PDB file of N, CA and C in Angstrom:
ATOM      1  N   MET A   1      92.950 249.018   3.091  1.00  0.00           N
ATOM      2  CA  MET A   1      91.439 248.739   3.148  1.00  0.00           C
ATOM      3  C   MET A   1      90.881 249.296   4.703  1.00  0.00           C
ATOM      4  N   ALA A   2      89.963 250.106   4.488  1.00  0.00           N
ATOM      5  CA  ALA A   2      89.200 250.808   5.631  1.00  0.00           C
ATOM      6  C   ALA A   2      88.236 249.654   6.203  1.00  0.00           C
ATOM      7  N   LEU A   3      88.102 249.559   7.398  1.00  0.00           N
ATOM      8  CA  LEU A   3      87.593 248.627   8.426  1.00  0.00           C
ATOM      9  C   LEU A   3      86.315 249.079   8.463  1.00  0.00           C
ATOM     10  N   ASP A   4      85.397 248.195   8.606  1.00  0.00           N
ATOM     11  CA  ASP A   4      83.839 248.668   9.291  1.00  0.00           C
ATOM     12  C   ASP A   4      83.918 249.206  10.859  1.00  0.00           C
ATOM     13  N   ALA A   5      82.889 250.072  11.231  1.00  0.00           N
ATOM     14  CA  ALA A   5      82.740 250.384  12.334  1.00  0.00           C
ATOM     15  C   ALA A   5      83.167 249.561  13.441  1.00  0.00           C
ATOM     16  N   ASP A   6      82.150 248.318  13.484  1.00  0.00           N
ATOM     17  CA  ASP A   6      82.303 247.267  14.371  1.00  0.00           C
ATOM     18  C   ASP A   6      83.613 246.743  14.571  1.00  0.00           C
ATOM     19  N   GLN A   7      84.742 246.706  12.996  1.00  0.00           N
ATOM     20  CA  GLN A   7      86.077 246.205  13.368  1.00  0.00           C
ATOM     21  C   GLN A   7      86.898 247.437  13.916  1.00  0.00           C
ATOM     22  N   LEU A   8      86.569 248.536  13.546  1.00  0.00           N
ATOM     23  CA  LEU A   8      87.287 249.391  14.245  1.00  0.00           C
ATOM     24  C   LEU A   8      87.281 249.409  15.546  1.00  0.00           C
ATOM     25  N   LYS A   9      85.980 249.303  16.064  1.00  0.00           N
ATOM     26  CA  LYS A   9      85.744 249.605  17.807  1.00  0.00           C
ATOM     27  C   LYS A   9      86.579 248.310  18.398  1.00  0.00           C
ATOM     28  N   ALA A  10      86.727 247.028  17.466  1.00  0.00           N
ATOM     29  CA  ALA A  10      87.277 245.952  18.051  1.00  0.00           C
ATOM     30  C   ALA A  10      88.853 246.124  18.169  1.00  0.00           C
ATOM     31  N   THR A  11      89.194 247.216  17.376  1.00  0.00           N
ATOM     32  CA  THR A  11      90.630 247.251  17.035  1.00  0.00           C
ATOM     33  C   THR A  11      91.482 247.835  18.117  1.00  0.00           C
ATOM     34  N   THR A  12      92.405 247.279  18.933  1.00  0.00           N
ATOM     35  CA  THR A  12      93.322 247.829  19.863  1.00  0.00           C
ATOM     36  C   THR A  12      94.599 248.110  19.213  1.00  0.00           C
ATOM     37  N   PRO A  13      94.745 249.710  19.437  1.00  0.00           N
ATOM     38  CA  PRO A  13      95.732 250.064  18.740  1.00  0.00           C
ATOM     39  C   PRO A  13      97.018 249.728  19.603  1.00  0.00           C
ATOM     40  N   ASP A  14      98.379 249.758  18.815  1.00  0.00           N
ATOM     41  CA  ASP A  14      99.555 249.669  19.394  1.00  0.00           C
ATOM     42  C   ASP A  14      99.959 250.867  20.460  1.00  0.00           C
ATOM     43  N   ALA A  15      99.697 251.901  19.912  1.00  0.00           N
ATOM     44  CA  ALA A  15      99.825 253.383  20.525  1.00  0.00           C
ATOM     45  C   ALA A  15      98.771 254.081  20.114  1.00  0.00           C
ATOM     46  N   VAL A  16      98.505 255.119  20.948  1.00  0.00           N
ATOM     47  CA  VAL A  16      97.524 256.279  21.308  1.00  0.00           C
ATOM     48  C   VAL A  16      98.058 257.587  21.073  1.00  0.00           C
ATOM     49  N   VAL A  17      97.940 258.134  20.115  1.00  0.00           N
ATOM     50  CA  VAL A  17      98.287 259.344  20.169  1.00  0.00           C
ATOM     51  C   VAL A  17      97.054 260.667  20.407  1.00  0.00           C
ATOM     52  N   ASP A  18      97.372 261.370  21.701  1.00  0.00           N
ATOM     53  CA  ASP A  18      96.206 262.186  21.590  1.00  0.00           C
ATOM     54  C   ASP A  18      96.793 263.790  21.569  1.00  0.00           C
ATOM     55  N   ALA A  19      95.828 263.892  20.317  1.00  0.00           N
ATOM     56  CA  ALA A  19      96.365 265.370  19.909  1.00  0.00           C
ATOM     57  C   ALA A  19      94.964 266.298  20.072  1.00  0.00           C
ATOM     58  N   ARG A  20      94.293 265.853  21.027  1.00  0.00           N
ATOM     59  CA  ARG A  20      92.868 266.820  21.137  1.00  0.00           C
ATOM     60  C   ARG A  20      93.523 268.045  21.517  1.00  0.00           C
ATOM     61  N   GLY A  21      92.831 269.109  21.075  1.00  0.00           N
ATOM     62  CA  GLY A  21      93.242 270.403  21.854  1.00  0.00           C
ATOM     63  C   GLY A  21      93.985 271.081  20.795  1.00  0.00           C
ATOM     64  N   SER A  22      94.668 270.487  19.903  1.00  0.00           N
ATOM     65  CA  SER A  22      95.773 270.824  18.817  1.00  0.00           C
ATOM     66  C   SER A  22      95.097 271.027  17.661  1.00  0.00           C
ATOM     67  N   ALA A  23      95.708 272.403  16.819  1.00  0.00           N
ATOM     68  CA  ALA A  23      94.988 272.755  15.683  1.00  0.00           C
ATOM     69  C   ALA A  23      95.515 272.086  14.507  1.00  0.00           C
ATOM     70  N   CYS A  24      95.204 272.282  13.418  1.00  0.00           N
ATOM     71  CA  CYS A  24      96.127 272.162  12.032  1.00  0.00           C
ATOM     72  C   CYS A  24      96.957 273.090  12.042  1.00  0.00           C
ATOM     73  N   PRO A  25      98.264 272.210  11.757  1.00  0.00           N
ATOM     74  CA  PRO A  25      98.734 270.852  11.482  1.00  0.00           C
ATOM     75  C   PRO A  25      99.136 270.046  12.474  1.00  0.00           C
ATOM     76  N   GLY A  26      98.935 270.376  14.074  1.00  0.00           N
ATOM     77  CA  GLY A  26      98.996 269.580  14.912  1.00  0.00           C
ATOM     78  C   GLY A  26      98.930 268.166  14.903  1.00  0.00           C
ATOM     79  N   PRO A  27      97.538 267.826  14.796  1.00  0.00           N
ATOM     80  CA  PRO A  27      97.279 266.309  14.984  1.00  0.00           C
ATOM     81  C   PRO A  27      98.054 265.683  14.009  1.00  0.00           C
ATOM     82  N   LEU A  28      98.240 266.226  12.757  1.00  0.00           N
ATOM     83  CA  LEU A  28      99.083 265.570  11.801  1.00  0.00           C
ATOM     84  C   LEU A  28     100.506 265.141  12.118  1.00  0.00           C
ATOM     85  N   LEU A  29     101.044 266.256  12.615  1.00  0.00           N
ATOM     86  CA  LEU A  29     102.465 266.039  13.253  1.00  0.00           C
ATOM     87  C   LEU A  29     102.472 265.343  14.100  1.00  0.00           C
ATOM     88  N   GLU A  30     101.605 265.025  15.102  1.00  0.00           N
ATOM     89  CA  GLU A  30     101.407 264.017  16.458  1.00  0.00           C
ATOM     90  C   GLU A  30     101.506 262.677  15.578  1.00  0.00           C
ATOM     91  N   ALA A  31     100.628 262.523  14.591  1.00  0.00           N
ATOM     92  CA  ALA A  31     100.727 261.241  13.959  1.00  0.00           C
ATOM     93  C   ALA A  31     102.010 260.905  13.377  1.00  0.00           C
ATOM     94  N   LYS A  32     102.579 261.802  12.369  1.00  0.00           N
ATOM     95  CA  LYS A  32     103.686 261.589  12.178  1.00  0.00           C
ATOM     96  C   LYS A  32     104.896 260.981  12.952  1.00  0.00           C
ATOM     97  N   LYS A  33     104.902 261.466  14.026  1.00  0.00           N
ATOM     98  CA  LYS A  33     105.718 261.138  15.391  1.00  0.00           C
ATOM     99  C   LYS A  33     105.377 259.877  16.223  1.00  0.00           C
ATOM    100  N   GLY A  34     103.840 259.865  16.270  1.00  0.00           N
ATOM    101  CA  GLY A  34     103.511 258.599  16.848  1.00  0.00           C
ATOM    102  C   GLY A  34     103.541 257.108  16.144  1.00  0.00           C
ATOM    103  N   ILE A  35     103.584 257.524  14.853  1.00  0.00           N
ATOM    104  CA  ILE A  35     103.722 256.132  13.798  1.00  0.00           C
ATOM    105  C   ILE A  35     105.170 255.787  14.108  1.00  0.00           C
ATOM    106  N   GLY A  36     106.138 256.299  14.465  1.00  0.00           N
ATOM    107  CA  GLY A  36     107.637 255.634  14.488  1.00  0.00           C
ATOM    108  C   GLY A  36     107.672 255.191  15.798  1.00  0.00           C
ATOM    109  N   SER A  37     106.759 255.004  16.649  1.00  0.00           N
ATOM    110  CA  SER A  37     106.904 254.540  18.085  1.00  0.00           C
ATOM    111  C   SER A  37     106.308 252.792  18.036  1.00  0.00           C
ATOM    112  N   VAL A  38     105.618 252.567  16.833  1.00  0.00           N
ATOM    113  CA  VAL A  38     104.970 251.209  16.806  1.00  0.00           C
ATOM    114  C   VAL A  38     105.880 250.506  15.452  1.00  0.00           C
ATOM    115  N   SER A  39     106.099 249.445  15.691  1.00  0.00           N
ATOM    116  CA  SER A  39     106.647 248.642  14.465  1.00  0.00           C
ATOM    117  C   SER A  39     105.789 248.145  13.329  1.00  0.00           C
ATOM    118  N   VAL A  40     106.499 247.976  12.217  1.00  0.00           N
ATOM    119  CA  VAL A  40     105.796 247.860  10.834  1.00  0.00           C
ATOM    120  C   VAL A  40     104.712 246.850  10.832  1.00  0.00           C
ATOM    121  N   GLY A  41     103.290 247.129  10.515  1.00  0.00           N
ATOM    122  CA  GLY A  41     102.264 246.240  10.662  1.00  0.00           C
ATOM    123  C   GLY A  41     101.667 246.682  12.340  1.00  0.00           C
ATOM    124  N   GLY A  42     102.110 247.672  12.958  1.00  0.00           N
ATOM    125  CA  GLY A  42     101.330 248.244  14.224  1.00  0.00           C
ATOM    126  C   GLY A  42     100.260 249.246  13.721  1.00  0.00           C
ATOM    127  N   THR A  43      99.621 249.454  14.675  1.00  0.00           N
ATOM    128  CA  THR A  43      98.491 250.518  14.510  1.00  0.00           C
ATOM    129  C   THR A  43      98.497 251.495  15.641  1.00  0.00           C
ATOM    130  N   ILE A  44      98.419 252.797  14.856  1.00  0.00           N
ATOM    131  CA  ILE A  44      98.283 253.691  16.010  1.00  0.00           C
ATOM    132  C   ILE A  44      96.774 254.448  15.872  1.00  0.00           C
ATOM    133  N   GLU A  45      96.318 254.841  16.946  1.00  0.00           N
ATOM    134  CA  GLU A  45      95.011 255.639  16.962  1.00  0.00           C
ATOM    135  C   GLU A  45      95.408 257.014  17.306  1.00  0.00           C
ATOM    136  N   VAL A  46      94.709 258.034  16.568  1.00  0.00           N
ATOM    137  CA  VAL A  46      95.242 259.309  16.521  1.00  0.00           C
ATOM    138  C   VAL A  46      93.922 259.974  17.249  1.00  0.00           C
ATOM    139  N   ARG A  47      93.836 260.646  18.302  1.00  0.00           N
ATOM    140  CA  ARG A  47      92.586 261.289  18.840  1.00  0.00           C
ATOM    141  C   ARG A  47      92.632 262.783  18.345  1.00  0.00           C
ATOM    142  N   SER A  48      91.603 263.410  17.636  1.00  0.00           N
ATOM    143  CA  SER A  48      91.691 264.427  17.343  1.00  0.00           C
ATOM    144  C   SER A  48      90.023 265.216  17.379  1.00  0.00           C
ATOM    145  N   ASP A  49      90.327 266.612  17.952  1.00  0.00           N
ATOM    146  CA  ASP A  49      89.045 267.334  17.810  1.00  0.00           C
ATOM    147  C   ASP A  49      89.122 268.554  16.724  1.00  0.00           C
ATOM    148  N   ASP A  50      90.045 268.079  16.050  1.00  0.00           N
ATOM    149  CA  ASP A  50      90.180 269.184  15.018  1.00  0.00           C
ATOM    150  C   ASP A  50      89.954 268.695  13.531  1.00  0.00           C
ATOM    151  N   PRO A  51      88.608 269.226  12.964  1.00  0.00           N
ATOM    152  CA  PRO A  51      88.030 268.442  11.366  1.00  0.00           C
ATOM    153  C   PRO A  51      88.732 268.411  10.538  1.00  0.00           C
ATOM    154  N   GLY A  52      89.660 268.681  10.500  1.00  0.00           N
ATOM    155  CA  GLY A  52      90.610 268.721   9.164  1.00  0.00           C
ATOM    156  C   GLY A  52      91.341 267.583   9.195  1.00  0.00           C
ATOM    157  N   SER A  53      91.457 266.544  10.357  1.00  0.00           N
ATOM    158  CA  SER A  53      92.150 265.401  10.621  1.00  0.00           C
ATOM    159  C   SER A  53      91.512 264.481   9.970  1.00  0.00           C
ATOM    160  N   ARG A  54      90.589 264.730   9.917  1.00  0.00           N
ATOM    161  CA  ARG A  54      89.663 263.427   9.093  1.00  0.00           C
ATOM    162  C   ARG A  54      90.020 263.336   7.640  1.00  0.00           C
ATOM    163  N   ASN A  55      90.552 264.224   6.992  1.00  0.00           N
ATOM    164  CA  ASN A  55      91.054 264.375   5.632  1.00  0.00           C
ATOM    165  C   ASN A  55      92.347 264.189   5.455  1.00  0.00           C
ATOM    166  N   ASP A  56      93.433 265.061   6.627  1.00  0.00           N
ATOM    167  CA  ASP A  56      94.525 265.253   6.518  1.00  0.00           C
ATOM    168  C   ASP A  56      95.376 263.956   6.564  1.00  0.00           C
ATOM    169  N   ILE A  57      95.074 263.357   7.782  1.00  0.00           N
ATOM    170  CA  ILE A  57      95.745 261.864   8.257  1.00  0.00           C
ATOM    171  C   ILE A  57      95.517 260.681   7.021  1.00  0.00           C
ATOM    172  N   PRO A  58      94.425 260.477   6.708  1.00  0.00           N
ATOM    173  CA  PRO A  58      94.465 259.653   5.645  1.00  0.00           C
ATOM    174  C   PRO A  58      94.938 259.727   4.235  1.00  0.00           C
ATOM    175  N   ILE A  59      95.271 261.240   3.772  1.00  0.00           N
ATOM    176  CA  ILE A  59      96.003 261.589   2.921  1.00  0.00           C
ATOM    177  C   ILE A  59      97.580 261.272   2.882  1.00  0.00           C
ATOM    178  N   TRP A  60      97.996 261.856   4.238  1.00  0.00           N
ATOM    179  CA  TRP A  60      99.351 261.826   4.515  1.00  0.00           C
ATOM    180  C   TRP A  60      99.586 260.024   4.243  1.00  0.00           C
ATOM    181  N   ALA A  61      98.854 259.178   5.204  1.00  0.00           N
ATOM    182  CA  ALA A  61      99.298 257.992   5.532  1.00  0.00           C
ATOM    183  C   ALA A  61      99.252 257.057   3.956  1.00  0.00           C
ATOM    184  N   GLN A  62      98.476 257.484   2.914  1.00  0.00           N
ATOM    185  CA  GLN A  62      98.422 256.984   1.596  1.00  0.00           C
ATOM    186  C   GLN A  62     100.003 257.473   1.190  1.00  0.00           C
ATOM    187  N   LYS A  63      99.960 258.691   1.142  1.00  0.00           N
ATOM    188  CA  LYS A  63     101.326 259.305   0.491  1.00  0.00           C
ATOM    189  C   LYS A  63     102.576 258.703   0.820  1.00  0.00           C
ATOM    190  N   VAL A  64     102.721 257.996   2.299  1.00  0.00           N
ATOM    191  CA  VAL A  64     103.867 257.784   2.642  1.00  0.00           C
ATOM    192  C   VAL A  64     104.011 256.434   2.713  1.00  0.00           C
ATOM    193  N   GLY A  65     102.815 255.656   2.171  1.00  0.00           N
ATOM    194  CA  GLY A  65     102.623 253.944   2.945  1.00  0.00           C
ATOM    195  C   GLY A  65     102.519 253.522   3.597  1.00  0.00           C
ATOM    196  N   HIS A  66     101.629 254.405   4.587  1.00  0.00           N
ATOM    197  CA  HIS A  66     100.902 253.698   5.758  1.00  0.00           C
ATOM    198  C   HIS A  66      99.435 253.242   5.171  1.00  0.00           C
ATOM    199  N   GLU A  67      98.740 252.712   6.062  1.00  0.00           N
ATOM    200  CA  GLU A  67      97.206 252.378   5.917  1.00  0.00           C
ATOM    201  C   GLU A  67      96.166 252.948   6.505  1.00  0.00           C
ATOM    202  N   PHE A  68      95.394 253.759   6.086  1.00  0.00           N
ATOM    203  CA  PHE A  68      94.224 254.501   7.073  1.00  0.00           C
ATOM    204  C   PHE A  68      93.421 253.349   7.272  1.00  0.00           C
ATOM    205  N   LEU A  69      93.027 253.154   8.474  1.00  0.00           N
ATOM    206  CA  LEU A  69      92.107 251.980   8.489  1.00  0.00           C
ATOM    207  C   LEU A  69      90.702 252.336   8.925  1.00  0.00           C
ATOM    208  N   GLY A  70      90.657 253.782   9.005  1.00  0.00           N
ATOM    209  CA  GLY A  70      89.067 254.117   9.115  1.00  0.00           C
ATOM    210  C   GLY A  70      89.105 255.323  10.641  1.00  0.00           C
ATOM    211  N   ALA A  71      88.013 255.703  10.886  1.00  0.00           N
ATOM    212  CA  ALA A  71      87.691 256.819  11.784  1.00  0.00           C
ATOM    213  C   ALA A  71      86.544 256.464  12.404  1.00  0.00           C
ATOM    214  N   LEU A  72      86.389 256.655  13.705  1.00  0.00           N
ATOM    215  CA  LEU A  72      85.018 256.551  14.620  1.00  0.00           C
ATOM    216  C   LEU A  72      85.078 258.233  15.274  1.00  0.00           C
ATOM    217  N   GLN A  73      83.668 258.477  15.601  1.00  0.00           N
ATOM    218  CA  GLN A  73      83.414 259.685  16.294  1.00  0.00           C
ATOM    219  C   GLN A  73      83.310 258.930  17.804  1.00  0.00           C
ATOM    220  N   ALA A  74      83.959 259.480  18.667  1.00  0.00           N
ATOM    221  CA  ALA A  74      83.796 259.138  19.986  1.00  0.00           C
ATOM    222  C   ALA A  74      82.677 259.654  20.632  1.00  0.00           C
ATOM    223  N   ASP A  75      81.905 259.036  21.556  1.00  0.00           N
ATOM    224  CA  ASP A  75      81.075 259.891  22.410  1.00  0.00           C
ATOM    225  C   ASP A  75      81.265 261.606  22.875  1.00  0.00           C
ATOM    226  N   GLU A  76      82.493 261.429  23.372  1.00  0.00           N
ATOM    227  CA  GLU A  76      83.063 262.791  23.999  1.00  0.00           C
ATOM    228  C   GLU A  76      83.040 263.650  22.870  1.00  0.00           C
ATOM    229  N   GLY A  77      83.101 263.255  21.662  1.00  0.00           N
ATOM    230  CA  GLY A  77      82.946 264.543  20.582  1.00  0.00           C
ATOM    231  C   GLY A  77      84.401 264.584  19.782  1.00  0.00           C
ATOM    232  N   TYR A  78      85.174 263.807  19.806  1.00  0.00           N
ATOM    233  CA  TYR A  78      86.329 264.041  19.088  1.00  0.00           C
ATOM    234  C   TYR A  78      86.522 262.596  18.089  1.00  0.00           C
ATOM    235  N   ASP A  79      87.442 262.576  17.099  1.00  0.00           N
ATOM    236  CA  ASP A  79      87.662 261.755  16.333  1.00  0.00           C
ATOM    237  C   ASP A  79      88.712 260.752  16.515  1.00  0.00           C
ATOM    238  N   ARG A  80      88.460 259.357  16.388  1.00  0.00           N
ATOM    239  CA  ARG A  80      89.552 258.386  16.662  1.00  0.00           C
ATOM    240  C   ARG A  80      89.915 257.999  15.255  1.00  0.00           C
ATOM    241  N   ILE A  81      90.945 258.179  14.874  1.00  0.00           N
ATOM    242  CA  ILE A  81      91.610 257.691  13.590  1.00  0.00           C
ATOM    243  C   ILE A  81      92.855 256.556  13.457  1.00  0.00           C
ATOM    244  N   PHE A  82      92.381 255.540  12.870  1.00  0.00           N
ATOM    245  CA  PHE A  82      93.389 254.688  12.881  1.00  0.00           C
ATOM    246  C   PHE A  82      93.920 254.461  11.896  1.00  0.00           C
ATOM    247  N   VAL A  83      95.411 253.939  11.923  1.00  0.00           N
ATOM    248  CA  VAL A  83      96.186 254.100  11.130  1.00  0.00           C
ATOM    249  C   VAL A  83      97.314 253.025  11.245  1.00  0.00           C
ATOM    250  N   ARG A  84      97.821 252.187  10.112  1.00  0.00           N
ATOM    251  CA  ARG A  84      98.600 251.035  10.200  1.00  0.00           C
ATOM    252  C   ARG A  84      99.987 251.223   9.500  1.00  0.00           C
ATOM    253  N   ARG A  85     101.129 251.059  10.273  1.00  0.00           N
ATOM    254  CA  ARG A  85     102.390 251.587   9.850  1.00  0.00           C
ATOM    255  C   ARG A  85     102.741 250.548   8.555  1.00  0.00           C
ATOM    256  N   GLY A  86     102.998 251.132   7.274  1.00  0.00           N
ATOM    257  CA  GLY A  86     103.077 250.146   6.252  1.00  0.00           C
ATOM    258  C   GLY A  86     104.928 250.304   6.061  1.00  0.00           C
ATOM    259  N   LYS A  87     105.629 250.880   6.755  1.00  0.00           N
ATOM    260  CA  LYS A  87     107.039 250.793   6.478  1.00  0.00           C
ATOM    261  C   LYS A  87     107.896 251.591   7.330  1.00  0.00           C
TER     262      LYS A  87
END
């Protein structure tokens, strides 16, 4: 279930994966590594300036049983993508 922007802004992730400066598929690979650093039910925030991440990460999350919570555009020009670990 995607959260609205206010809920996302209030979300404190359990881990932050900074994939800025990494081109596709780098941010997705970093997300895959990062999700393992949190327990089931935990949340990661993936920071990415690659435009493909907004599509790739939600698709991956759904495919492998995690929950895509939503994405925000940071003032600095990168995406903040939130995923809750499902398994």
